[in-house]
Amino acid sequence: MSYNATPIKLYSYVCDFPDVEMAVNSSTKSWLSKHNVLGPLFLYHYTTIEGLKGMIIDRSIWCTYIDDNKYKEDLKYGKNLIISRLNIFIEREKNVDIQKILMGIKNFSSFVYHRTHYIFIASLFERGNLSSRWKGSASKGVRYNLGISFDSETKIDCGIDAPLESRNIVLRKVVYEQSEQIKIIDDFISVVSIQN
């Protein structure tokens, strides 16, 4: 058993520059490989007694809508970091066609969120005994963590009417180090810039 990360397709597009499309696909493949896990994948969800009861009885984990006020600052941070890196690449770029592509990416990135897709998330952790997750337990009552096994065939139940492709579970590691965030963004932008 292993987990192979799959891409998230928010929209389909036709690229007028096959070399750029090929480079973007290569970059995406490299990014996804960072999330693959060989062998068993166990992740842990920390919760209260009420949350644990709900997970056992309803066989479900509640997810948070990404546009919730809780995540507005995270979205703003990510958007601003992407735009600042794009500005650097646009300023350096000599090829007008590549500049236009980068400007298109910048304009697309300028939106805080897109109402065409509703994204919900749940926090899962690689370690089952994180002291940071137990802090504040006294004020919230007894806390639990539930270990869950995942592999590439794990599906989510979105209801009987949901399209099959929407039932895949998408797992992504969170990158906290800003230098690593910048490297990921720059690597992705570079695949466009080097095509001149």
N, C-alpha and C. Protein backbone atom coordinates (compact mmCIF):
# COMPACT_ATOMS: atom_id res chain seq x y z
N MET A 1 0.83 -1.18 0.00
CA MET A 1 0.00 0.00 0.00
C MET A 1 0.88 1.25 0.00
N SER A 2 0.50 2.22 -0.82
CA SER A 2 1.22 3.48 -0.87
C SER A 2 0.25 4.57 -1.32
N TYR A 3 0.68 5.82 -1.19
CA TYR A 3 -0.15 6.93 -1.62
C TYR A 3 0.57 7.71 -2.71
N ASN A 4 -0.06 7.82 -3.88
CA ASN A 4 0.47 8.62 -4.98
C ASN A 4 -0.43 9.83 -5.16
N ALA A 5 0.13 11.03 -4.97
CA ALA A 5 -0.65 12.26 -5.05
C ALA A 5 -1.13 12.49 -6.48
N THR A 6 -2.37 12.91 -6.61
CA THR A 6 -2.95 13.21 -7.92
C THR A 6 -3.12 14.72 -8.05
N PRO A 7 -3.07 15.23 -9.27
CA PRO A 7 -3.22 16.69 -9.45
C PRO A 7 -4.66 17.13 -9.19
N ILE A 8 -4.81 18.39 -8.84
CA ILE A 8 -6.13 19.00 -8.70
C ILE A 8 -6.38 19.78 -9.98
N LYS A 9 -7.40 19.41 -10.71
CA LYS A 9 -7.75 20.10 -11.95
C LYS A 9 -8.92 21.04 -11.66
N LEU A 10 -8.62 22.32 -11.45
CA LEU A 10 -9.68 23.28 -11.17
C LEU A 10 -10.38 23.74 -12.44
N TYR A 11 -9.70 23.67 -13.54
CA TYR A 11 -10.29 24.06 -14.81
C TYR A 11 -9.47 23.43 -15.92
N SER A 12 -10.07 23.26 -17.07
CA SER A 12 -9.31 22.75 -18.21
C SER A 12 -8.92 23.93 -19.08
N TYR A 13 -7.81 23.83 -19.73
CA TYR A 13 -7.33 24.93 -20.56
C TYR A 13 -6.66 24.37 -21.81
N VAL A 14 -6.61 25.21 -22.79
CA VAL A 14 -5.87 24.87 -24.00
C VAL A 14 -4.69 25.81 -24.06
N CYS A 15 -3.50 25.27 -24.09
CA CYS A 15 -2.30 26.09 -24.09
C CYS A 15 -1.82 26.30 -25.52
N ASP A 16 -1.57 27.55 -25.88
CA ASP A 16 -1.06 27.87 -27.22
C ASP A 16 0.43 27.61 -27.34
N PHE A 17 1.07 27.30 -26.23
CA PHE A 17 2.51 27.08 -26.22
C PHE A 17 2.78 25.66 -25.71
N PRO A 18 2.87 24.68 -26.60
CA PRO A 18 3.06 23.28 -26.17
C PRO A 18 4.30 23.08 -25.29
N ASP A 19 5.39 23.83 -25.56
CA ASP A 19 6.59 23.69 -24.74
C ASP A 19 6.33 24.13 -23.30
N VAL A 20 5.55 25.21 -23.17
CA VAL A 20 5.22 25.70 -21.83
C VAL A 20 4.32 24.70 -21.12
N GLU A 21 3.33 24.17 -21.84
CA GLU A 21 2.42 23.19 -21.25
C GLU A 21 3.20 21.96 -20.78
N MET A 22 4.16 21.51 -21.60
CA MET A 22 4.97 20.35 -21.23
C MET A 22 5.82 20.66 -19.99
N ALA A 23 6.36 21.86 -19.93
CA ALA A 23 7.18 22.25 -18.77
C ALA A 23 6.34 22.36 -17.51
N VAL A 24 5.14 22.93 -17.63
CA VAL A 24 4.24 23.04 -16.48
C VAL A 24 3.84 21.64 -15.98
N ASN A 25 3.55 20.74 -16.90
CA ASN A 25 3.20 19.36 -16.51
C ASN A 25 4.37 18.69 -15.79
N SER A 26 5.59 18.95 -16.26
CA SER A 26 6.79 18.39 -15.62
C SER A 26 6.96 18.96 -14.21
N SER A 27 6.74 20.27 -14.08
CA SER A 27 6.85 20.92 -12.77
C SER A 27 5.80 20.37 -11.81
N THR A 28 4.58 20.18 -12.32
CA THR A 28 3.49 19.65 -11.50
C THR A 28 3.82 18.23 -11.02
N LYS A 29 4.38 17.44 -11.93
CA LYS A 29 4.76 16.07 -11.57
C LYS A 29 5.83 16.07 -10.47
N SER A 30 6.79 16.98 -10.56
CA SER A 30 7.83 17.10 -9.54
C SER A 30 7.23 17.52 -8.21
N TRP A 31 6.28 18.48 -8.24
CA TRP A 31 5.61 18.95 -7.02
C TRP A 31 4.82 17.81 -6.37
N LEU A 32 4.09 17.06 -7.18
CA LEU A 32 3.28 15.97 -6.64
C LEU A 32 4.13 14.88 -6.00
N SER A 33 5.33 14.65 -6.56
CA SER A 33 6.19 13.59 -6.03
C SER A 33 6.59 13.87 -4.58
N LYS A 34 6.58 15.14 -4.16
CA LYS A 34 6.92 15.48 -2.77
C LYS A 34 5.85 14.98 -1.79
N HIS A 35 4.66 14.68 -2.31
CA HIS A 35 3.55 14.26 -1.47
C HIS A 35 3.31 12.75 -1.51
N ASN A 36 4.04 12.05 -2.37
CA ASN A 36 3.89 10.60 -2.46
C ASN A 36 4.49 9.93 -1.23
N VAL A 37 3.91 8.81 -0.85
CA VAL A 37 4.42 8.05 0.29
C VAL A 37 4.52 6.59 -0.13
N LEU A 38 5.72 6.03 0.00
CA LEU A 38 5.91 4.61 -0.26
C LEU A 38 5.62 3.86 1.02
N GLY A 39 4.86 2.81 0.92
CA GLY A 39 4.52 2.04 2.10
C GLY A 39 3.28 2.61 2.79
N PRO A 40 2.94 2.10 3.96
CA PRO A 40 1.72 2.51 4.65
C PRO A 40 1.73 3.99 5.01
N LEU A 41 0.59 4.65 4.88
CA LEU A 41 0.44 6.05 5.26
C LEU A 41 -0.63 6.15 6.34
N PHE A 42 -0.20 6.51 7.54
CA PHE A 42 -1.12 6.72 8.66
C PHE A 42 -1.05 8.20 9.04
N LEU A 43 -2.21 8.83 9.09
CA LEU A 43 -2.31 10.22 9.52
C LEU A 43 -3.27 10.30 10.70
N TYR A 44 -3.09 11.34 11.51
CA TYR A 44 -3.86 11.45 12.74
C TYR A 44 -4.69 12.73 12.75
N HIS A 45 -5.91 12.61 13.24
CA HIS A 45 -6.82 13.75 13.38
C HIS A 45 -7.12 13.93 14.86
N TYR A 46 -6.77 15.11 15.39
CA TYR A 46 -7.00 15.41 16.80
C TYR A 46 -8.39 16.01 16.96
N THR A 47 -9.11 15.57 18.00
CA THR A 47 -10.48 16.02 18.15
C THR A 47 -10.94 15.94 19.61
N THR A 48 -12.13 16.43 19.87
CA THR A 48 -12.76 16.36 21.18
C THR A 48 -13.58 15.07 21.27
N ILE A 49 -14.18 14.82 22.44
CA ILE A 49 -15.02 13.63 22.60
C ILE A 49 -16.23 13.70 21.67
N GLU A 50 -16.79 14.92 21.50
CA GLU A 50 -17.94 15.07 20.60
C GLU A 50 -17.53 14.77 19.16
N GLY A 51 -16.35 15.26 18.77
CA GLY A 51 -15.86 15.00 17.42
C GLY A 51 -15.59 13.52 17.19
N LEU A 52 -15.01 12.86 18.20
CA LEU A 52 -14.74 11.42 18.10
C LEU A 52 -16.03 10.62 17.95
N LYS A 53 -17.04 10.97 18.75
CA LYS A 53 -18.33 10.29 18.63
C LYS A 53 -18.90 10.44 17.23
N GLY A 54 -18.86 11.67 16.70
CA GLY A 54 -19.37 11.92 15.36
C GLY A 54 -18.64 11.12 14.30
N MET A 55 -17.31 11.02 14.44
CA MET A 55 -16.52 10.27 13.45
C MET A 55 -16.87 8.79 13.49
N ILE A 56 -17.07 8.25 14.69
CA ILE A 56 -17.38 6.83 14.82
C ILE A 56 -18.81 6.54 14.37
N ILE A 57 -19.76 7.34 14.83
CA ILE A 57 -21.18 7.09 14.51
C ILE A 57 -21.47 7.41 13.04
N ASP A 58 -21.04 8.59 12.58
CA ASP A 58 -21.34 9.02 11.20
C ASP A 58 -20.29 8.58 10.18
N ARG A 59 -19.18 8.01 10.67
CA ARG A 59 -18.07 7.62 9.81
C ARG A 59 -17.65 8.78 8.93
N SER A 60 -17.43 9.95 9.57
CA SER A 60 -17.08 11.15 8.81
C SER A 60 -16.19 12.07 9.64
N ILE A 61 -15.45 12.90 8.92
CA ILE A 61 -14.64 13.96 9.53
C ILE A 61 -15.17 15.27 8.98
N TRP A 62 -15.46 16.20 9.86
CA TRP A 62 -15.93 17.51 9.41
C TRP A 62 -14.77 18.29 8.81
N CYS A 63 -15.03 18.91 7.69
CA CYS A 63 -14.04 19.75 7.02
C CYS A 63 -14.46 21.21 7.14
N THR A 64 -13.48 22.10 7.02
CA THR A 64 -13.73 23.53 7.09
C THR A 64 -13.65 24.12 5.70
N TYR A 65 -14.60 24.98 5.39
CA TYR A 65 -14.60 25.67 4.09
C TYR A 65 -13.40 26.61 4.05
N ILE A 66 -12.62 26.53 2.99
CA ILE A 66 -11.37 27.27 2.88
C ILE A 66 -11.57 28.78 2.92
N ASP A 67 -12.78 29.27 2.60
CA ASP A 67 -13.04 30.71 2.62
C ASP A 67 -13.45 31.19 4.01
N ASP A 68 -13.47 30.30 4.98
CA ASP A 68 -13.81 30.67 6.34
C ASP A 68 -12.84 31.75 6.83
N ASN A 69 -13.30 32.62 7.71
CA ASN A 69 -12.45 33.70 8.23
C ASN A 69 -11.15 33.19 8.82
N LYS A 70 -11.17 31.95 9.30
CA LYS A 70 -9.98 31.34 9.90
C LYS A 70 -8.82 31.28 8.90
N TYR A 71 -9.12 31.17 7.61
CA TYR A 71 -8.07 30.97 6.60
C TYR A 71 -7.83 32.19 5.72
N LYS A 72 -8.52 33.29 5.94
CA LYS A 72 -8.36 34.47 5.08
C LYS A 72 -6.92 34.98 5.08
N GLU A 73 -6.29 35.02 6.24
CA GLU A 73 -4.91 35.51 6.32
C GLU A 73 -3.95 34.57 5.60
N ASP A 74 -4.18 33.25 5.71
CA ASP A 74 -3.34 32.28 5.01
C ASP A 74 -3.46 32.46 3.50
N LEU A 75 -4.70 32.63 3.02
CA LEU A 75 -4.91 32.84 1.59
C LEU A 75 -4.24 34.12 1.11
N LYS A 76 -4.37 35.18 1.90
CA LYS A 76 -3.77 36.46 1.55
C LYS A 76 -2.24 36.34 1.51
N TYR A 77 -1.66 35.66 2.50
CA TYR A 77 -0.22 35.46 2.54
C TYR A 77 0.27 34.73 1.29
N GLY A 78 -0.40 33.62 0.95
CA GLY A 78 0.00 32.83 -0.22
C GLY A 78 -0.12 33.63 -1.51
N LYS A 79 -1.23 34.32 -1.66
CA LYS A 79 -1.46 35.13 -2.87
C LYS A 79 -0.38 36.20 -3.00
N ASN A 80 -0.08 36.91 -1.90
CA ASN A 80 0.92 37.98 -1.95
C ASN A 80 2.32 37.45 -2.25
N LEU A 81 2.65 36.27 -1.71
CA LEU A 81 3.97 35.69 -1.97
C LEU A 81 4.10 35.29 -3.44
N ILE A 82 3.06 34.69 -4.00
CA ILE A 82 3.08 34.30 -5.42
C ILE A 82 3.21 35.54 -6.30
N ILE A 83 2.43 36.57 -6.03
CA ILE A 83 2.46 37.79 -6.85
C ILE A 83 3.82 38.49 -6.74
N SER A 84 4.40 38.52 -5.54
CA SER A 84 5.72 39.17 -5.40
C SER A 84 6.78 38.42 -6.20
N ARG A 85 6.72 37.08 -6.22
CA ARG A 85 7.69 36.30 -7.00
C ARG A 85 7.45 36.49 -8.50
N LEU A 86 6.18 36.53 -8.91
CA LEU A 86 5.87 36.77 -10.32
C LEU A 86 6.38 38.14 -10.77
N ASN A 87 6.25 39.16 -9.93
CA ASN A 87 6.74 40.50 -10.27
C ASN A 87 8.24 40.49 -10.54
N ILE A 88 8.98 39.73 -9.75
CA ILE A 88 10.43 39.63 -9.96
C ILE A 88 10.73 38.99 -11.31
N PHE A 89 10.04 37.91 -11.65
CA PHE A 89 10.26 37.22 -12.93
C PHE A 89 9.83 38.10 -14.11
N ILE A 90 8.71 38.80 -13.96
CA ILE A 90 8.22 39.68 -15.05
C ILE A 90 9.23 40.78 -15.31
N GLU A 91 9.78 41.36 -14.24
CA GLU A 91 10.75 42.45 -14.39
C GLU A 91 12.02 41.98 -15.10
N ARG A 92 12.45 40.74 -14.83
CA ARG A 92 13.68 40.20 -15.43
C ARG A 92 13.49 39.72 -16.87
N GLU A 93 12.26 39.34 -17.21
CA GLU A 93 11.98 38.69 -18.49
C GLU A 93 12.14 39.66 -19.67
N LYS A 94 12.86 39.22 -20.69
CA LYS A 94 13.09 40.04 -21.90
C LYS A 94 12.10 39.69 -23.01
N ASN A 95 11.62 38.47 -23.04
CA ASN A 95 10.72 38.01 -24.09
C ASN A 95 9.30 38.50 -23.79
N VAL A 96 8.74 39.29 -24.72
CA VAL A 96 7.42 39.90 -24.52
C VAL A 96 6.33 38.84 -24.39
N ASP A 97 6.40 37.77 -25.19
CA ASP A 97 5.39 36.71 -25.11
C ASP A 97 5.39 36.04 -23.73
N ILE A 98 6.58 35.78 -23.22
CA ILE A 98 6.69 35.16 -21.89
C ILE A 98 6.19 36.13 -20.82
N GLN A 99 6.49 37.42 -20.99
CA GLN A 99 5.97 38.42 -20.04
C GLN A 99 4.44 38.39 -20.01
N LYS A 100 3.82 38.25 -21.17
CA LYS A 100 2.35 38.20 -21.24
C LYS A 100 1.82 36.97 -20.51
N ILE A 101 2.48 35.85 -20.68
CA ILE A 101 2.06 34.63 -19.99
C ILE A 101 2.18 34.83 -18.48
N LEU A 102 3.30 35.39 -18.04
CA LEU A 102 3.50 35.62 -16.61
C LEU A 102 2.49 36.62 -16.07
N MET A 103 2.16 37.65 -16.86
CA MET A 103 1.14 38.62 -16.44
C MET A 103 -0.23 37.94 -16.32
N GLY A 104 -0.52 37.02 -17.23
CA GLY A 104 -1.78 36.27 -17.16
C GLY A 104 -1.85 35.45 -15.88
N ILE A 105 -0.73 34.81 -15.52
CA ILE A 105 -0.68 34.03 -14.27
C ILE A 105 -0.86 34.97 -13.08
N LYS A 106 -0.21 36.14 -13.15
CA LYS A 106 -0.34 37.12 -12.06
C LYS A 106 -1.78 37.59 -11.91
N ASN A 107 -2.43 37.91 -13.02
CA ASN A 107 -3.82 38.36 -12.97
C ASN A 107 -4.73 37.28 -12.39
N PHE A 108 -4.49 36.03 -12.79
CA PHE A 108 -5.26 34.90 -12.26
C PHE A 108 -5.02 34.75 -10.76
N SER A 109 -3.75 34.92 -10.34
CA SER A 109 -3.38 34.77 -8.93
C SER A 109 -3.90 35.90 -8.06
N SER A 110 -4.28 37.01 -8.67
CA SER A 110 -4.72 38.18 -7.91
C SER A 110 -6.06 37.97 -7.23
N PHE A 111 -6.83 37.00 -7.70
CA PHE A 111 -8.10 36.71 -7.04
C PHE A 111 -7.82 36.05 -5.70
N VAL A 112 -8.55 36.45 -4.67
CA VAL A 112 -8.37 35.84 -3.35
C VAL A 112 -8.88 34.42 -3.36
N TYR A 113 -10.02 34.20 -4.00
CA TYR A 113 -10.57 32.86 -4.12
C TYR A 113 -11.47 32.84 -5.33
N HIS A 114 -11.83 31.65 -5.76
CA HIS A 114 -12.65 31.47 -6.96
C HIS A 114 -13.93 30.76 -6.57
N ARG A 115 -15.05 31.34 -6.89
CA ARG A 115 -16.34 30.77 -6.52
C ARG A 115 -16.75 29.61 -7.43
N THR A 116 -15.92 29.25 -8.40
CA THR A 116 -16.28 28.14 -9.28
C THR A 116 -16.09 26.80 -8.58
N HIS A 117 -15.26 26.79 -7.53
CA HIS A 117 -15.01 25.56 -6.78
C HIS A 117 -15.07 25.86 -5.29
N TYR A 118 -15.64 24.95 -4.55
CA TYR A 118 -15.71 25.09 -3.11
C TYR A 118 -14.75 24.07 -2.50
N ILE A 119 -13.78 24.56 -1.78
CA ILE A 119 -12.74 23.70 -1.24
C ILE A 119 -12.88 23.61 0.27
N PHE A 120 -12.90 22.37 0.77
CA PHE A 120 -13.01 22.12 2.20
C PHE A 120 -11.78 21.34 2.64
N ILE A 121 -11.28 21.65 3.83
CA ILE A 121 -10.06 20.99 4.29
C ILE A 121 -10.24 20.44 5.71
N ALA A 122 -9.44 19.44 6.02
CA ALA A 122 -9.33 18.90 7.37
C ALA A 122 -7.84 18.77 7.67
N SER A 123 -7.47 19.06 8.89
CA SER A 123 -6.06 18.97 9.29
C SER A 123 -5.75 17.57 9.79
N LEU A 124 -4.73 16.98 9.19
CA LEU A 124 -4.25 15.66 9.59
C LEU A 124 -2.75 15.79 9.86
N PHE A 125 -2.24 14.96 10.74
CA PHE A 125 -0.85 15.08 11.16
C PHE A 125 -0.14 13.74 11.01
N GLU A 126 1.17 13.82 10.71
CA GLU A 126 1.95 12.60 10.52
C GLU A 126 2.28 11.93 11.85
N ARG A 127 2.31 12.71 12.92
CA ARG A 127 2.65 12.14 14.22
C ARG A 127 1.41 12.06 15.10
N GLY A 128 1.32 10.98 15.84
CA GLY A 128 0.14 10.73 16.66
C GLY A 128 0.24 11.25 18.07
N ASN A 129 1.36 11.85 18.44
CA ASN A 129 1.47 12.35 19.81
C ASN A 129 2.21 13.69 19.81
N LEU A 130 1.60 14.70 19.22
CA LEU A 130 2.19 16.04 19.16
C LEU A 130 1.77 16.85 20.38
N SER A 131 2.73 17.27 21.17
CA SER A 131 2.41 18.04 22.38
C SER A 131 1.69 19.34 22.03
N SER A 132 2.00 19.93 20.87
CA SER A 132 1.35 21.18 20.48
C SER A 132 -0.15 20.99 20.26
N ARG A 133 -0.56 19.78 19.87
CA ARG A 133 -1.98 19.51 19.64
C ARG A 133 -2.73 19.23 20.95
N TRP A 134 -1.98 18.92 22.03
CA TRP A 134 -2.64 18.64 23.30
C TRP A 134 -2.76 19.90 24.16
N LYS A 135 -2.04 20.97 23.80
CA LYS A 135 -2.10 22.20 24.60
C LYS A 135 -3.53 22.73 24.64
N GLY A 136 -3.92 23.24 25.75
CA GLY A 136 -5.26 23.79 25.89
C GLY A 136 -6.32 22.72 26.11
N SER A 137 -5.90 21.47 26.28
CA SER A 137 -6.87 20.38 26.46
C SER A 137 -7.70 20.55 27.71
N ALA A 138 -7.10 21.11 28.75
CA ALA A 138 -7.83 21.26 30.01
C ALA A 138 -9.07 22.12 29.84
N SER A 139 -8.96 23.18 29.03
CA SER A 139 -10.11 24.07 28.84
C SER A 139 -11.14 23.49 27.88
N LYS A 140 -10.72 22.55 27.04
CA LYS A 140 -11.63 21.98 26.04
C LYS A 140 -12.13 20.59 26.43
N GLY A 141 -11.72 20.10 27.56
CA GLY A 141 -12.08 18.74 27.95
C GLY A 141 -11.07 17.75 27.40
N VAL A 142 -11.37 16.47 27.53
CA VAL A 142 -10.47 15.41 27.06
C VAL A 142 -10.37 15.47 25.55
N ARG A 143 -9.15 15.28 25.02
CA ARG A 143 -8.94 15.30 23.57
C ARG A 143 -8.47 13.92 23.12
N TYR A 144 -8.74 13.61 21.86
CA TYR A 144 -8.38 12.32 21.28
C TYR A 144 -7.70 12.54 19.94
N ASN A 145 -6.97 11.54 19.52
CA ASN A 145 -6.48 11.55 18.14
C ASN A 145 -6.82 10.21 17.51
N LEU A 146 -7.30 10.28 16.30
CA LEU A 146 -7.75 9.10 15.58
C LEU A 146 -6.77 8.84 14.43
N GLY A 147 -6.18 7.65 14.40
CA GLY A 147 -5.27 7.28 13.32
C GLY A 147 -6.05 6.73 12.13
N ILE A 148 -5.72 7.21 10.93
CA ILE A 148 -6.43 6.81 9.72
C ILE A 148 -5.41 6.34 8.69
N SER A 149 -5.69 5.22 8.06
CA SER A 149 -4.82 4.67 7.02
C SER A 149 -5.30 5.14 5.65
N PHE A 150 -4.38 5.60 4.81
CA PHE A 150 -4.69 6.07 3.46
C PHE A 150 -3.85 5.33 2.44
N ASP A 151 -4.40 5.18 1.24
CA ASP A 151 -3.62 4.78 0.08
C ASP A 151 -4.23 5.42 -1.15
N SER A 152 -3.70 5.12 -2.31
CA SER A 152 -4.16 5.76 -3.54
C SER A 152 -5.60 5.42 -3.90
N GLU A 153 -6.13 4.33 -3.33
CA GLU A 153 -7.50 3.92 -3.63
C GLU A 153 -8.53 4.46 -2.64
N THR A 154 -8.08 5.16 -1.61
CA THR A 154 -9.00 5.71 -0.62
C THR A 154 -9.90 6.76 -1.27
N LYS A 155 -11.18 6.65 -1.04
CA LYS A 155 -12.16 7.58 -1.62
C LYS A 155 -12.91 8.29 -0.51
N ILE A 156 -13.54 9.39 -0.86
CA ILE A 156 -14.38 10.13 0.06
C ILE A 156 -15.83 10.00 -0.42
N ASP A 157 -16.75 9.87 0.51
CA ASP A 157 -18.16 9.76 0.15
C ASP A 157 -18.75 11.16 0.09
N CYS A 158 -19.00 11.63 -1.11
CA CYS A 158 -19.56 12.98 -1.31
C CYS A 158 -21.05 12.92 -1.61
N GLY A 159 -21.66 11.76 -1.47
CA GLY A 159 -23.07 11.61 -1.80
C GLY A 159 -23.22 10.88 -3.12
N ILE A 160 -24.35 10.27 -3.28
CA ILE A 160 -24.58 9.41 -4.44
C ILE A 160 -24.57 10.16 -5.77
N ASP A 161 -24.92 11.46 -5.75
CA ASP A 161 -24.97 12.24 -6.98
C ASP A 161 -23.63 12.85 -7.38
N ALA A 162 -22.64 12.76 -6.50
CA ALA A 162 -21.34 13.38 -6.79
C ALA A 162 -20.62 12.62 -7.90
N PRO A 163 -19.96 13.35 -8.83
CA PRO A 163 -19.20 12.66 -9.88
C PRO A 163 -18.06 11.86 -9.27
N LEU A 164 -17.73 10.74 -9.92
CA LEU A 164 -16.71 9.85 -9.38
C LEU A 164 -15.37 10.54 -9.17
N GLU A 165 -14.98 11.45 -10.09
CA GLU A 165 -13.67 12.10 -9.98
C GLU A 165 -13.58 13.02 -8.76
N SER A 166 -14.73 13.43 -8.21
CA SER A 166 -14.70 14.31 -7.03
C SER A 166 -14.54 13.52 -5.75
N ARG A 167 -14.50 12.21 -5.84
CA ARG A 167 -14.44 11.38 -4.64
C ARG A 167 -13.02 11.04 -4.22
N ASN A 168 -12.04 11.46 -4.98
CA ASN A 168 -10.66 11.20 -4.59
C ASN A 168 -10.28 12.07 -3.41
N ILE A 169 -9.54 11.51 -2.48
CA ILE A 169 -9.00 12.29 -1.37
C ILE A 169 -7.69 12.89 -1.84
N VAL A 170 -7.55 14.19 -1.64
CA VAL A 170 -6.33 14.89 -2.05
C VAL A 170 -5.56 15.26 -0.80
N LEU A 171 -4.40 14.66 -0.61
CA LEU A 171 -3.55 14.93 0.54
C LEU A 171 -2.35 15.76 0.10
N ARG A 172 -2.09 16.84 0.84
CA ARG A 172 -0.93 17.69 0.55
C ARG A 172 -0.24 18.03 1.86
N LYS A 173 1.09 17.93 1.85
CA LYS A 173 1.86 18.34 3.01
C LYS A 173 1.90 19.87 3.05
N VAL A 174 1.82 20.42 4.24
CA VAL A 174 1.91 21.87 4.40
C VAL A 174 3.38 22.25 4.50
N VAL A 175 3.79 23.25 3.71
CA VAL A 175 5.16 23.74 3.72
C VAL A 175 5.18 25.02 4.56
N TYR A 176 5.91 25.01 5.66
CA TYR A 176 5.94 26.15 6.58
C TYR A 176 7.12 27.08 6.34
N GLU A 177 8.24 26.55 5.88
CA GLU A 177 9.44 27.37 5.69
C GLU A 177 9.28 28.28 4.48
N GLN A 178 9.45 29.60 4.69
CA GLN A 178 9.26 30.54 3.59
C GLN A 178 10.27 30.31 2.47
N SER A 179 11.50 29.95 2.81
CA SER A 179 12.51 29.71 1.77
C SER A 179 12.09 28.55 0.88
N GLU A 180 11.49 27.53 1.46
CA GLU A 180 11.01 26.39 0.67
C GLU A 180 9.78 26.77 -0.16
N GLN A 181 8.91 27.61 0.41
CA GLN A 181 7.74 28.11 -0.33
C GLN A 181 8.19 28.88 -1.57
N ILE A 182 9.18 29.76 -1.37
CA ILE A 182 9.71 30.56 -2.49
C ILE A 182 10.32 29.66 -3.55
N LYS A 183 11.07 28.63 -3.12
CA LYS A 183 11.68 27.71 -4.09
C LYS A 183 10.62 27.00 -4.92
N ILE A 184 9.53 26.56 -4.28
CA ILE A 184 8.45 25.88 -5.00
C ILE A 184 7.82 26.82 -6.03
N ILE A 185 7.54 28.05 -5.62
CA ILE A 185 6.94 29.04 -6.53
C ILE A 185 7.90 29.35 -7.67
N ASP A 186 9.17 29.61 -7.35
CA ASP A 186 10.16 29.95 -8.37
C ASP A 186 10.38 28.80 -9.35
N ASP A 187 10.40 27.58 -8.85
CA ASP A 187 10.58 26.42 -9.75
C ASP A 187 9.43 26.35 -10.74
N PHE A 188 8.21 26.61 -10.26
CA PHE A 188 7.04 26.56 -11.14
C PHE A 188 7.08 27.69 -12.17
N ILE A 189 7.40 28.91 -11.73
CA ILE A 189 7.47 30.05 -12.66
C ILE A 189 8.61 29.87 -13.64
N SER A 190 9.70 29.30 -13.19
CA SER A 190 10.89 29.13 -14.05
C SER A 190 10.59 28.28 -15.28
N VAL A 191 9.69 27.31 -15.16
CA VAL A 191 9.41 26.45 -16.32
C VAL A 191 8.79 27.25 -17.45
N VAL A 192 8.12 28.35 -17.12
CA VAL A 192 7.58 29.23 -18.15
C VAL A 192 8.67 30.14 -18.69
N SER A 193 9.46 30.73 -17.80
CA SER A 193 10.47 31.71 -18.18
C SER A 193 11.59 31.13 -19.03
N ILE A 194 11.94 29.86 -18.80
CA ILE A 194 13.07 29.29 -19.53
C ILE A 194 12.71 28.91 -20.95
N GLN A 195 11.45 29.07 -21.33
CA GLN A 195 11.03 28.66 -22.66
C GLN A 195 11.35 29.69 -23.75
N ASN A 196 12.08 30.78 -23.40
CA ASN A 196 12.38 31.81 -24.42
C ASN A 196 13.61 31.48 -25.21
